[in-house]
Amino acid sequence: MDTLSALYGMTKPQEPAELDTYQRDFAKASAIGMVIDRAAAERGIVVAERAAQDYLGRYIEQYFGNGADARAAFVEALGQAGTSEPAVLVRSSVRWLPLSCSSR
């Protein structure tokens, strides 16, 4: 939850009704992610490390700006959320399939 919250800027609501919706939406997104991961694994689909890094770079540029300071701000935001850049790449790489992907 920390990785996705940090990646998408989601914050955990305090109000009970909003918290319930947040948790349900997160559970749904996680379930969909597991289905995508399983389907990709069954088909031997992999995302090249370079493609994932390129996508992450574009993401950082879009949401944090350009340059070393932007990447540092991104890494800091991940750290504050209790996650890391490698966790983001592992968690998200298969879901970035529209990039450069291949089948084994």
PDB file of N, CA and C in Angstrom:
ATOM      1  N   MET A   1       0.833  -1.184   0.000  1.00  0.00           N
ATOM      2  CA  MET A   1       0.000   0.000   0.000  1.00  0.00           C
ATOM      3  C   MET A   1       0.880   1.251   0.000  1.00  0.00           C
ATOM      4  N   ASP A   2       2.005   1.200   0.714  1.00  0.00           N
ATOM      5  CA  ASP A   2       2.890   2.356   0.789  1.00  0.00           C
ATOM      6  C   ASP A   2       3.431   2.752  -0.579  1.00  0.00           C
ATOM      7  N   THR A   3       3.840   1.749  -1.358  1.00  0.00           N
ATOM      8  CA  THR A   3       4.412   2.031  -2.667  1.00  0.00           C
ATOM      9  C   THR A   3       3.401   2.709  -3.575  1.00  0.00           C
ATOM     10  N   LEU A   4       2.204   2.154  -3.672  1.00  0.00           N
ATOM     11  CA  LEU A   4       1.196   2.746  -4.541  1.00  0.00           C
ATOM     12  C   LEU A   4       0.734   4.093  -4.024  1.00  0.00           C
ATOM     13  N   SER A   5       0.624   4.222  -2.713  1.00  0.00           N
ATOM     14  CA  SER A   5       0.234   5.515  -2.144  1.00  0.00           C
ATOM     15  C   SER A   5       1.249   6.585  -2.505  1.00  0.00           C
ATOM     16  N   ALA A   6       2.523   6.245  -2.391  1.00  0.00           N
ATOM     17  CA  ALA A   6       3.571   7.209  -2.718  1.00  0.00           C
ATOM     18  C   ALA A   6       3.610   7.491  -4.210  1.00  0.00           C
ATOM     19  N   LEU A   7       3.478   6.460  -5.010  1.00  0.00           N
ATOM     20  CA  LEU A   7       3.572   6.619  -6.448  1.00  0.00           C
ATOM     21  C   LEU A   7       2.447   7.474  -7.006  1.00  0.00           C
ATOM     22  N   TYR A   8       1.264   7.307  -6.473  1.00  0.00           N
ATOM     23  CA  TYR A   8       0.105   8.029  -6.996  1.00  0.00           C
ATOM     24  C   TYR A   8      -0.344   9.174  -6.109  1.00  0.00           C
ATOM     25  N   GLY A   9       0.404   9.463  -5.054  1.00  0.00           N
ATOM     26  CA  GLY A   9       0.093  10.604  -4.201  1.00  0.00           C
ATOM     27  C   GLY A   9      -1.183  10.424  -3.399  1.00  0.00           C
ATOM     28  N   MET A  10      -1.540   9.202  -3.146  1.00  0.00           N
ATOM     29  CA  MET A  10      -2.759   8.923  -2.384  1.00  0.00           C
ATOM     30  C   MET A  10      -2.470   9.058  -0.896  1.00  0.00           C
ATOM     31  N   THR A  11      -3.385   9.643  -0.174  1.00  0.00           N
ATOM     32  CA  THR A  11      -3.255   9.723   1.269  1.00  0.00           C
ATOM     33  C   THR A  11      -4.438   9.006   1.912  1.00  0.00           C
ATOM     34  N   LYS A  12      -4.155   8.344   2.987  1.00  0.00           N
ATOM     35  CA  LYS A  12      -5.175   7.581   3.695  1.00  0.00           C
ATOM     36  C   LYS A  12      -6.123   8.537   4.407  1.00  0.00           C
ATOM     37  N   PRO A  13      -7.417   8.491   4.057  1.00  0.00           N
ATOM     38  CA  PRO A  13      -8.374   9.402   4.696  1.00  0.00           C
ATOM     39  C   PRO A  13      -8.609   9.048   6.167  1.00  0.00           C
ATOM     40  N   GLN A  14      -9.080  10.007   6.914  1.00  0.00           N
ATOM     41  CA  GLN A  14      -9.355   9.802   8.328  1.00  0.00           C
ATOM     42  C   GLN A  14     -10.829   9.499   8.606  1.00  0.00           C
ATOM     43  N   GLU A  15     -11.707  10.019   7.766  1.00  0.00           N
ATOM     44  CA  GLU A  15     -13.141   9.810   7.954  1.00  0.00           C
ATOM     45  C   GLU A  15     -13.485   8.343   7.683  1.00  0.00           C
ATOM     46  N   PRO A  16     -14.277   7.703   8.553  1.00  0.00           N
ATOM     47  CA  PRO A  16     -14.590   6.281   8.386  1.00  0.00           C
ATOM     48  C   PRO A  16     -15.177   5.916   7.019  1.00  0.00           C
ATOM     49  N   ALA A  17     -16.118   6.682   6.511  1.00  0.00           N
ATOM     50  CA  ALA A  17     -16.728   6.361   5.215  1.00  0.00           C
ATOM     51  C   ALA A  17     -15.709   6.487   4.087  1.00  0.00           C
ATOM     52  N   GLU A  18     -14.897   7.543   4.134  1.00  0.00           N
ATOM     53  CA  GLU A  18     -13.869   7.735   3.120  1.00  0.00           C
ATOM     54  C   GLU A  18     -12.786   6.662   3.230  1.00  0.00           C
ATOM     55  N   LEU A  19     -12.440   6.279   4.454  1.00  0.00           N
ATOM     56  CA  LEU A  19     -11.440   5.240   4.671  1.00  0.00           C
ATOM     57  C   LEU A  19     -11.923   3.914   4.101  1.00  0.00           C
ATOM     58  N   ASP A  20     -13.201   3.604   4.299  1.00  0.00           N
ATOM     59  CA  ASP A  20     -13.762   2.367   3.766  1.00  0.00           C
ATOM     60  C   ASP A  20     -13.663   2.353   2.242  1.00  0.00           C
ATOM     61  N   THR A  21     -14.030   3.448   1.603  1.00  0.00           N
ATOM     62  CA  THR A  21     -13.948   3.540   0.143  1.00  0.00           C
ATOM     63  C   THR A  21     -12.502   3.416  -0.327  1.00  0.00           C
ATOM     64  N   TYR A  22     -11.596   4.098   0.362  1.00  0.00           N
ATOM     65  CA  TYR A  22     -10.170   4.033   0.044  1.00  0.00           C
ATOM     66  C   TYR A  22      -9.665   2.594   0.114  1.00  0.00           C
ATOM     67  N   GLN A  23      -9.997   1.891   1.188  1.00  0.00           N
ATOM     68  CA  GLN A  23      -9.536   0.519   1.356  1.00  0.00           C
ATOM     69  C   GLN A  23     -10.144  -0.411   0.306  1.00  0.00           C
ATOM     70  N   ARG A  24     -11.400  -0.209  -0.020  1.00  0.00           N
ATOM     71  CA  ARG A  24     -12.040  -1.028  -1.051  1.00  0.00           C
ATOM     72  C   ARG A  24     -11.412  -0.759  -2.428  1.00  0.00           C
ATOM     73  N   ASP A  25     -11.189   0.503  -2.739  1.00  0.00           N
ATOM     74  CA  ASP A  25     -10.567   0.842  -4.016  1.00  0.00           C
ATOM     75  C   ASP A  25      -9.154   0.284  -4.095  1.00  0.00           C
ATOM     76  N   PHE A  26      -8.430   0.360  -3.001  1.00  0.00           N
ATOM     77  CA  PHE A  26      -7.069  -0.164  -2.977  1.00  0.00           C
ATOM     78  C   PHE A  26      -7.083  -1.681  -3.152  1.00  0.00           C
ATOM     79  N   ALA A  27      -8.008  -2.360  -2.468  1.00  0.00           N
ATOM     80  CA  ALA A  27      -8.124  -3.813  -2.600  1.00  0.00           C
ATOM     81  C   ALA A  27      -8.452  -4.198  -4.040  1.00  0.00           C
ATOM     82  N   LYS A  28      -9.344  -3.455  -4.665  1.00  0.00           N
ATOM     83  CA  LYS A  28      -9.709  -3.725  -6.055  1.00  0.00           C
ATOM     84  C   LYS A  28      -8.501  -3.537  -6.976  1.00  0.00           C
ATOM     85  N   ALA A  29      -7.791  -2.439  -6.801  1.00  0.00           N
ATOM     86  CA  ALA A  29      -6.608  -2.174  -7.621  1.00  0.00           C
ATOM     87  C   ALA A  29      -5.544  -3.252  -7.412  1.00  0.00           C
ATOM     88  N   SER A  30      -5.383  -3.697  -6.178  1.00  0.00           N
ATOM     89  CA  SER A  30      -4.403  -4.749  -5.887  1.00  0.00           C
ATOM     90  C   SER A  30      -4.794  -6.059  -6.550  1.00  0.00           C
ATOM     91  N   ALA A  31      -6.074  -6.393  -6.489  1.00  0.00           N
ATOM     92  CA  ALA A  31      -6.560  -7.621  -7.113  1.00  0.00           C
ATOM     93  C   ALA A  31      -6.350  -7.578  -8.627  1.00  0.00           C
ATOM     94  N   ILE A  32      -6.654  -6.445  -9.236  1.00  0.00           N
ATOM     95  CA  ILE A  32      -6.446  -6.295 -10.680  1.00  0.00           C
ATOM     96  C   ILE A  32      -4.961  -6.441 -11.006  1.00  0.00           C
ATOM     97  N   GLY A  33      -4.119  -5.841 -10.173  1.00  0.00           N
ATOM     98  CA  GLY A  33      -2.679  -5.962 -10.369  1.00  0.00           C
ATOM     99  C   GLY A  33      -2.206  -7.405 -10.298  1.00  0.00           C
ATOM    100  N   MET A  34      -2.756  -8.175  -9.367  1.00  0.00           N
ATOM    101  CA  MET A  34      -2.377  -9.582  -9.253  1.00  0.00           C
ATOM    102  C   MET A  34      -2.805 -10.373 -10.489  1.00  0.00           C
ATOM    103  N   VAL A  35      -3.978 -10.061 -11.013  1.00  0.00           N
ATOM    104  CA  VAL A  35      -4.446 -10.724 -12.234  1.00  0.00           C
ATOM    105  C   VAL A  35      -3.502 -10.403 -13.401  1.00  0.00           C
ATOM    106  N   ILE A  36      -3.118  -9.139 -13.518  1.00  0.00           N
ATOM    107  CA  ILE A  36      -2.194  -8.740 -14.581  1.00  0.00           C
ATOM    108  C   ILE A  36      -0.848  -9.445 -14.396  1.00  0.00           C
ATOM    109  N   ASP A  37      -0.336  -9.464 -13.170  1.00  0.00           N
ATOM    110  CA  ASP A  37       0.947 -10.126 -12.901  1.00  0.00           C
ATOM    111  C   ASP A  37       0.894 -11.603 -13.286  1.00  0.00           C
ATOM    112  N   ARG A  38      -0.178 -12.280 -12.889  1.00  0.00           N
ATOM    113  CA  ARG A  38      -0.311 -13.714 -13.180  1.00  0.00           C
ATOM    114  C   ARG A  38      -0.413 -13.953 -14.684  1.00  0.00           C
ATOM    115  N   ALA A  39      -1.229 -13.157 -15.367  1.00  0.00           N
ATOM    116  CA  ALA A  39      -1.388 -13.324 -16.815  1.00  0.00           C
ATOM    117  C   ALA A  39      -0.063 -13.083 -17.536  1.00  0.00           C
ATOM    118  N   ALA A  40       0.664 -12.073 -17.113  1.00  0.00           N
ATOM    119  CA  ALA A  40       1.963 -11.787 -17.727  1.00  0.00           C
ATOM    120  C   ALA A  40       2.930 -12.941 -17.498  1.00  0.00           C
ATOM    121  N   ALA A  41       2.961 -13.471 -16.273  1.00  0.00           N
ATOM    122  CA  ALA A  41       3.865 -14.583 -15.957  1.00  0.00           C
ATOM    123  C   ALA A  41       3.495 -15.827 -16.763  1.00  0.00           C
ATOM    124  N   GLU A  42       2.211 -16.106 -16.870  1.00  0.00           N
ATOM    125  CA  GLU A  42       1.762 -17.277 -17.629  1.00  0.00           C
ATOM    126  C   GLU A  42       2.141 -17.173 -19.103  1.00  0.00           C
ATOM    127  N   ARG A  43       2.186 -15.971 -19.610  1.00  0.00           N
ATOM    128  CA  ARG A  43       2.505 -15.762 -21.025  1.00  0.00           C
ATOM    129  C   ARG A  43       3.990 -15.478 -21.252  1.00  0.00           C
ATOM    130  N   GLY A  44       4.755 -15.445 -20.182  1.00  0.00           N
ATOM    131  CA  GLY A  44       6.189 -15.185 -20.308  1.00  0.00           C
ATOM    132  C   GLY A  44       6.503 -13.756 -20.718  1.00  0.00           C
ATOM    133  N   ILE A  45       5.628 -12.838 -20.367  1.00  0.00           N
ATOM    134  CA  ILE A  45       5.835 -11.440 -20.724  1.00  0.00           C
ATOM    135  C   ILE A  45       6.726 -10.779 -19.681  1.00  0.00           C
ATOM    136  N   VAL A  46       7.733 -10.110 -20.155  1.00  0.00           N
ATOM    137  CA  VAL A  46       8.637  -9.388 -19.258  1.00  0.00           C
ATOM    138  C   VAL A  46       8.815  -7.967 -19.770  1.00  0.00           C
ATOM    139  N   VAL A  47       9.076  -7.065 -18.862  1.00  0.00           N
ATOM    140  CA  VAL A  47       9.376  -5.685 -19.222  1.00  0.00           C
ATOM    141  C   VAL A  47      10.863  -5.477 -18.973  1.00  0.00           C
ATOM    142  N   ALA A  48      11.539  -5.010 -19.988  1.00  0.00           N
ATOM    143  CA  ALA A  48      12.978  -4.772 -19.864  1.00  0.00           C
ATOM    144  C   ALA A  48      13.240  -3.738 -18.779  1.00  0.00           C
ATOM    145  N   GLU A  49      14.306  -3.945 -18.034  1.00  0.00           N
ATOM    146  CA  GLU A  49      14.695  -3.020 -16.972  1.00  0.00           C
ATOM    147  C   GLU A  49      14.832  -1.598 -17.512  1.00  0.00           C
ATOM    148  N   ARG A  50      15.412  -1.472 -18.682  1.00  0.00           N
ATOM    149  CA  ARG A  50      15.606  -0.142 -19.272  1.00  0.00           C
ATOM    150  C   ARG A  50      14.268   0.529 -19.579  1.00  0.00           C
ATOM    151  N   ALA A  51      13.301  -0.247 -20.063  1.00  0.00           N
ATOM    152  CA  ALA A  51      11.981   0.311 -20.360  1.00  0.00           C
ATOM    153  C   ALA A  51      11.302   0.792 -19.083  1.00  0.00           C
ATOM    154  N   ALA A  52      11.416   0.003 -18.017  1.00  0.00           N
ATOM    155  CA  ALA A  52      10.830   0.407 -16.736  1.00  0.00           C
ATOM    156  C   ALA A  52      11.505   1.674 -16.206  1.00  0.00           C
ATOM    157  N   GLN A  53      12.832   1.739 -16.326  1.00  0.00           N
ATOM    158  CA  GLN A  53      13.568   2.926 -15.884  1.00  0.00           C
ATOM    159  C   GLN A  53      13.176   4.161 -16.706  1.00  0.00           C
ATOM    160  N   ASP A  54      13.011   3.968 -18.012  1.00  0.00           N
ATOM    161  CA  ASP A  54      12.603   5.086 -18.875  1.00  0.00           C
ATOM    162  C   ASP A  54      11.224   5.598 -18.467  1.00  0.00           C
ATOM    163  N   TYR A  55      10.306   4.680 -18.225  1.00  0.00           N
ATOM    164  CA  TYR A  55       8.958   5.084 -17.830  1.00  0.00           C
ATOM    165  C   TYR A  55       8.999   5.817 -16.487  1.00  0.00           C
ATOM    166  N   LEU A  56       9.776   5.278 -15.552  1.00  0.00           N
ATOM    167  CA  LEU A  56       9.891   5.922 -14.246  1.00  0.00           C
ATOM    168  C   LEU A  56      10.463   7.332 -14.398  1.00  0.00           C
ATOM    169  N   GLY A  57      11.444   7.487 -15.267  1.00  0.00           N
ATOM    170  CA  GLY A  57      12.013   8.812 -15.521  1.00  0.00           C
ATOM    171  C   GLY A  57      10.969   9.786 -16.042  1.00  0.00           C
ATOM    172  N   ARG A  58      10.111   9.311 -16.957  1.00  0.00           N
ATOM    173  CA  ARG A  58       9.043  10.172 -17.474  1.00  0.00           C
ATOM    174  C   ARG A  58       8.027  10.495 -16.383  1.00  0.00           C
ATOM    175  N   TYR A  59       7.748   9.527 -15.537  1.00  0.00           N
ATOM    176  CA  TYR A  59       6.824   9.755 -14.426  1.00  0.00           C
ATOM    177  C   TYR A  59       7.376  10.836 -13.497  1.00  0.00           C
ATOM    178  N   ILE A  60       8.640  10.712 -13.132  1.00  0.00           N
ATOM    179  CA  ILE A  60       9.276  11.686 -12.244  1.00  0.00           C
ATOM    180  C   ILE A  60       9.254  13.068 -12.884  1.00  0.00           C
ATOM    181  N   GLU A  61       9.564  13.127 -14.169  1.00  0.00           N
ATOM    182  CA  GLU A  61       9.554  14.408 -14.868  1.00  0.00           C
ATOM    183  C   GLU A  61       8.155  15.041 -14.848  1.00  0.00           C
ATOM    184  N   GLN A  62       7.144  14.228 -15.060  1.00  0.00           N
ATOM    185  CA  GLN A  62       5.771  14.743 -15.100  1.00  0.00           C
ATOM    186  C   GLN A  62       5.313  15.253 -13.736  1.00  0.00           C
ATOM    187  N   TYR A  63       5.639  14.532 -12.671  1.00  0.00           N
ATOM    188  CA  TYR A  63       5.104  14.871 -11.353  1.00  0.00           C
ATOM    189  C   TYR A  63       6.064  15.618 -10.432  1.00  0.00           C
ATOM    190  N   PHE A  64       7.375  15.553 -10.717  1.00  0.00           N
ATOM    191  CA  PHE A  64       8.353  16.185  -9.832  1.00  0.00           C
ATOM    192  C   PHE A  64       9.257  17.181 -10.538  1.00  0.00           C
ATOM    193  N   GLY A  65       9.259  17.175 -11.857  1.00  0.00           N
ATOM    194  CA  GLY A  65      10.108  18.093 -12.604  1.00  0.00           C
ATOM    195  C   GLY A  65      11.329  17.396 -13.181  1.00  0.00           C
ATOM    196  N   ASN A  66      12.280  18.186 -13.652  1.00  0.00           N
ATOM    197  CA  ASN A  66      13.483  17.670 -14.306  1.00  0.00           C
ATOM    198  C   ASN A  66      14.689  17.738 -13.385  1.00  0.00           C
ATOM    199  N   GLY A  67      15.657  16.889 -13.662  1.00  0.00           N
ATOM    200  CA  GLY A  67      16.951  16.977 -13.006  1.00  0.00           C
ATOM    201  C   GLY A  67      17.088  16.181 -11.725  1.00  0.00           C
ATOM    202  N   ALA A  68      18.285  16.296 -11.172  1.00  0.00           N
ATOM    203  CA  ALA A  68      18.638  15.542  -9.972  1.00  0.00           C
ATOM    204  C   ALA A  68      17.772  15.922  -8.776  1.00  0.00           C
ATOM    205  N   ASP A  69      17.411  17.191  -8.680  1.00  0.00           N
ATOM    206  CA  ASP A  69      16.564  17.626  -7.563  1.00  0.00           C
ATOM    207  C   ASP A  69      15.190  16.976  -7.626  1.00  0.00           C
ATOM    208  N   ALA A  70      14.669  16.795  -8.837  1.00  0.00           N
ATOM    209  CA  ALA A  70      13.357  16.157  -9.006  1.00  0.00           C
ATOM    210  C   ALA A  70      13.423  14.698  -8.573  1.00  0.00           C
ATOM    211  N   ARG A  71      14.471  13.999  -9.010  1.00  0.00           N
ATOM    212  CA  ARG A  71      14.616  12.589  -8.619  1.00  0.00           C
ATOM    213  C   ARG A  71      14.800  12.489  -7.109  1.00  0.00           C
ATOM    214  N   ALA A  72      15.569  13.386  -6.530  1.00  0.00           N
ATOM    215  CA  ALA A  72      15.766  13.381  -5.082  1.00  0.00           C
ATOM    216  C   ALA A  72      14.443  13.609  -4.351  1.00  0.00           C
ATOM    217  N   ALA A  73      13.608  14.503  -4.878  1.00  0.00           N
ATOM    218  CA  ALA A  73      12.299  14.756  -4.272  1.00  0.00           C
ATOM    219  C   ALA A  73      11.420  13.510  -4.365  1.00  0.00           C
ATOM    220  N   PHE A  74      11.498  12.817  -5.495  1.00  0.00           N
ATOM    221  CA  PHE A  74      10.740  11.579  -5.676  1.00  0.00           C
ATOM    222  C   PHE A  74      11.193  10.522  -4.669  1.00  0.00           C
ATOM    223  N   VAL A  75      12.482  10.329  -4.568  1.00  0.00           N
ATOM    224  CA  VAL A  75      13.032   9.337  -3.637  1.00  0.00           C
ATOM    225  C   VAL A  75      12.671   9.706  -2.193  1.00  0.00           C
ATOM    226  N   GLU A  76      12.726  10.991  -1.874  1.00  0.00           N
ATOM    227  CA  GLU A  76      12.346  11.466  -0.533  1.00  0.00           C
ATOM    228  C   GLU A  76      10.868  11.162  -0.258  1.00  0.00           C
ATOM    229  N   ALA A  77      10.014  11.405  -1.241  1.00  0.00           N
ATOM    230  CA  ALA A  77       8.581  11.121  -1.072  1.00  0.00           C
ATOM    231  C   ALA A  77       8.348   9.629  -0.855  1.00  0.00           C
ATOM    232  N   LEU A  78       9.081   8.808  -1.580  1.00  0.00           N
ATOM    233  CA  LEU A  78       8.959   7.358  -1.387  1.00  0.00           C
ATOM    234  C   LEU A  78       9.412   6.969   0.020  1.00  0.00           C
ATOM    235  N   GLY A  79      10.528   7.535   0.451  1.00  0.00           N
ATOM    236  CA  GLY A  79      11.040   7.237   1.790  1.00  0.00           C
ATOM    237  C   GLY A  79      10.066   7.642   2.882  1.00  0.00           C
ATOM    238  N   GLN A  80       9.444   8.793   2.716  1.00  0.00           N
ATOM    239  CA  GLN A  80       8.468   9.251   3.702  1.00  0.00           C
ATOM    240  C   GLN A  80       7.245   8.334   3.746  1.00  0.00           C
ATOM    241  N   ALA A  81       6.965   7.671   2.617  1.00  0.00           N
ATOM    242  CA  ALA A  81       5.833   6.753   2.557  1.00  0.00           C
ATOM    243  C   ALA A  81       6.227   5.333   2.960  1.00  0.00           C
ATOM    244  N   GLY A  82       7.507   5.147   3.291  1.00  0.00           N
ATOM    245  CA  GLY A  82       7.960   3.836   3.735  1.00  0.00           C
ATOM    246  C   GLY A  82       8.267   2.869   2.608  1.00  0.00           C
ATOM    247  N   THR A  83       8.637   3.389   1.458  1.00  0.00           N
ATOM    248  CA  THR A  83       8.956   2.513   0.334  1.00  0.00           C
ATOM    249  C   THR A  83      10.202   3.034  -0.375  1.00  0.00           C
ATOM    250  N   SER A  84      10.536   2.443  -1.517  1.00  0.00           N
ATOM    251  CA  SER A  84      11.770   2.804  -2.204  1.00  0.00           C
ATOM    252  C   SER A  84      11.601   2.718  -3.715  1.00  0.00           C
ATOM    253  N   GLU A  85      12.565   3.260  -4.435  1.00  0.00           N
ATOM    254  CA  GLU A  85      12.529   3.207  -5.893  1.00  0.00           C
ATOM    255  C   GLU A  85      12.553   1.767  -6.415  1.00  0.00           C
ATOM    256  N   PRO A  86      13.417   0.883  -5.890  1.00  0.00           N
ATOM    257  CA  PRO A  86      13.365  -0.508  -6.360  1.00  0.00           C
ATOM    258  C   PRO A  86      11.996  -1.163  -6.131  1.00  0.00           C
ATOM    259  N   ALA A  87      11.343  -0.842  -5.031  1.00  0.00           N
ATOM    260  CA  ALA A  87      10.018  -1.411  -4.777  1.00  0.00           C
ATOM    261  C   ALA A  87       9.019  -0.931  -5.820  1.00  0.00           C
ATOM    262  N   VAL A  88       9.143   0.317  -6.229  1.00  0.00           N
ATOM    263  CA  VAL A  88       8.251   0.869  -7.254  1.00  0.00           C
ATOM    264  C   VAL A  88       8.482   0.142  -8.576  1.00  0.00           C
ATOM    265  N   LEU A  89       9.729  -0.073  -8.940  1.00  0.00           N
ATOM    266  CA  LEU A  89      10.027  -0.748 -10.201  1.00  0.00           C
ATOM    267  C   LEU A  89       9.525  -2.183 -10.196  1.00  0.00           C
ATOM    268  N   VAL A  90       9.732  -2.890  -9.106  1.00  0.00           N
ATOM    269  CA  VAL A  90       9.279  -4.278  -9.016  1.00  0.00           C
ATOM    270  C   VAL A  90       7.765  -4.336  -9.047  1.00  0.00           C
ATOM    271  N   ARG A  91       7.117  -3.501  -8.286  1.00  0.00           N
ATOM    272  CA  ARG A  91       5.665  -3.517  -8.155  1.00  0.00           C
ATOM    273  C   ARG A  91       4.975  -3.091  -9.442  1.00  0.00           C
ATOM    274  N   SER A  92       5.589  -2.207 -10.193  1.00  0.00           N
ATOM    275  CA  SER A  92       4.895  -1.569 -11.306  1.00  0.00           C
ATOM    276  C   SER A  92       5.335  -2.015 -12.687  1.00  0.00           C
ATOM    277  N   SER A  93       6.457  -2.696 -12.812  1.00  0.00           N
ATOM    278  CA  SER A  93       7.014  -2.917 -14.147  1.00  0.00           C
ATOM    279  C   SER A  93       6.095  -3.688 -15.080  1.00  0.00           C
ATOM    280  N   VAL A  94       5.423  -4.722 -14.612  1.00  0.00           N
ATOM    281  CA  VAL A  94       4.539  -5.481 -15.494  1.00  0.00           C
ATOM    282  C   VAL A  94       3.336  -4.644 -15.890  1.00  0.00           C
ATOM    283  N   ARG A  95       2.905  -3.759 -15.028  1.00  0.00           N
ATOM    284  CA  ARG A  95       1.734  -2.949 -15.334  1.00  0.00           C
ATOM    285  C   ARG A  95       2.056  -1.833 -16.323  1.00  0.00           C
ATOM    286  N   TRP A  96       3.317  -1.669 -16.657  1.00  0.00           N
ATOM    287  CA  TRP A  96       3.722  -0.674 -17.642  1.00  0.00           C
ATOM    288  C   TRP A  96       3.928  -1.338 -18.998  1.00  0.00           C
ATOM    289  N   LEU A  97       3.170  -2.386 -19.276  1.00  0.00           N
ATOM    290  CA  LEU A  97       3.341  -3.173 -20.491  1.00  0.00           C
ATOM    291  C   LEU A  97       3.265  -2.388 -21.795  1.00  0.00           C
ATOM    292  N   PRO A  98       2.494  -1.322 -21.907  1.00  0.00           N
ATOM    293  CA  PRO A  98       2.461  -0.627 -23.188  1.00  0.00           C
ATOM    294  C   PRO A  98       3.826  -0.099 -23.622  1.00  0.00           C
ATOM    295  N   LEU A  99       4.783  -0.143 -22.731  1.00  0.00           N
ATOM    296  CA  LEU A  99       6.133   0.276 -23.115  1.00  0.00           C
ATOM    297  C   LEU A  99       6.733  -0.771 -24.034  1.00  0.00           C
ATOM    298  N   SER A 100       7.979  -1.000 -23.889  1.00  0.00           N
ATOM    299  CA  SER A 100       8.660  -1.995 -24.673  1.00  0.00           C
ATOM    300  C   SER A 100       8.611  -3.315 -23.928  1.00  0.00           C
ATOM    301  N   CYS A 101       7.786  -4.234 -24.391  1.00  0.00           N
ATOM    302  CA  CYS A 101       7.694  -5.517 -23.701  1.00  0.00           C
ATOM    303  C   CYS A 101       7.962  -6.629 -24.700  1.00  0.00           C
ATOM    304  N   SER A 102       8.292  -7.774 -24.166  1.00  0.00           N
ATOM    305  CA  SER A 102       8.553  -8.914 -25.026  1.00  0.00           C
ATOM    306  C   SER A 102       8.058 -10.176 -24.352  1.00  0.00           C
ATOM    307  N   SER A 103       7.926 -11.206 -25.130  1.00  0.00           N
ATOM    308  CA  SER A 103       7.533 -12.507 -24.624  1.00  0.00           C
ATOM    309  C   SER A 103       8.732 -13.418 -24.723  1.00  0.00           C
ATOM    310  N   ARG A 104       8.924 -14.252 -23.724  1.00  0.00           N
ATOM    311  CA  ARG A 104      10.070 -15.162 -23.721  1.00  0.00           C
ATOM    312  C   ARG A 104       9.899 -16.265 -24.727  1.00  0.00           C
TER     313      ARG A 104
END
